[in-house]
């Protein structure tokens, strides 16, 4: 599974946290579609 460095993870979390519920679902769908990234973790409410 590919991971991002700590700075990018923090930026992604900040961005995700600022989104509306509808936009969070869209963001999660895009992340889940990425092969090899572990997007299912994000889509299931895991650490972002």
Protein backbone atom coordinates (compact mmCIF):
# COMPACT_ATOMS: atom_id res chain seq x y z
CA UNK A 1 0.00 0.00 0.00
CA UNK A 2 1.36 3.42 -0.97
CA UNK A 3 1.40 6.05 1.77
CA UNK A 4 1.90 9.79 1.72
CA UNK A 5 4.49 11.66 3.77
CA UNK A 6 3.35 13.28 7.03
CA UNK A 7 2.99 16.77 5.54
CA UNK A 8 0.72 15.61 2.73
CA UNK A 9 -1.31 13.46 5.14
CA UNK A 10 -1.84 16.50 7.37
CA UNK A 11 -2.84 18.69 4.41
CA UNK A 12 -5.29 16.07 3.17
CA UNK A 13 -6.79 15.76 6.65
CA UNK A 14 -7.17 19.53 6.95
CA UNK A 15 -8.81 19.73 3.54
CA UNK A 16 -11.12 16.79 4.29
CA UNK A 17 -12.10 18.31 7.63
CA UNK A 18 -13.19 21.54 5.97
CA UNK A 19 -15.57 19.87 3.53
CA UNK A 20 -19.32 19.49 3.86
CA UNK A 21 -20.67 15.97 4.38
CA UNK A 22 -21.65 15.75 0.70
CA UNK A 23 -18.18 16.82 -0.43
CA UNK A 24 -16.52 14.42 2.06
CA UNK A 25 -18.38 11.57 0.40
CA UNK A 26 -17.21 12.70 -3.03
CA UNK A 27 -13.62 13.04 -1.80
CA UNK A 28 -13.77 9.59 -0.21
CA UNK A 29 -15.10 8.10 -3.46
CA UNK A 30 -12.16 9.52 -5.41
CA UNK A 31 -9.65 8.24 -2.85
CA UNK A 32 -11.28 4.80 -2.78
CA UNK A 33 -10.96 4.55 -6.56
CA UNK A 34 -7.17 5.00 -6.42
CA UNK A 35 -5.51 1.63 -6.92
CA UNK A 36 -2.97 0.67 -4.28
CA UNK A 37 -3.58 3.65 -2.01
CA UNK A 38 -5.86 2.06 0.55
CA UNK A 39 -8.76 4.32 -0.23
CA UNK A 40 -11.13 1.87 1.43
CA UNK A 41 -9.61 2.93 4.74
CA UNK A 42 -10.66 6.53 4.07
CA UNK A 43 -14.06 5.56 2.72
CA UNK A 44 -14.77 3.54 5.86
CA UNK A 45 -14.02 6.48 8.14
CA UNK A 46 -10.45 5.52 8.92
CA UNK A 47 -7.52 7.86 9.38
CA UNK A 48 -7.24 10.40 6.51
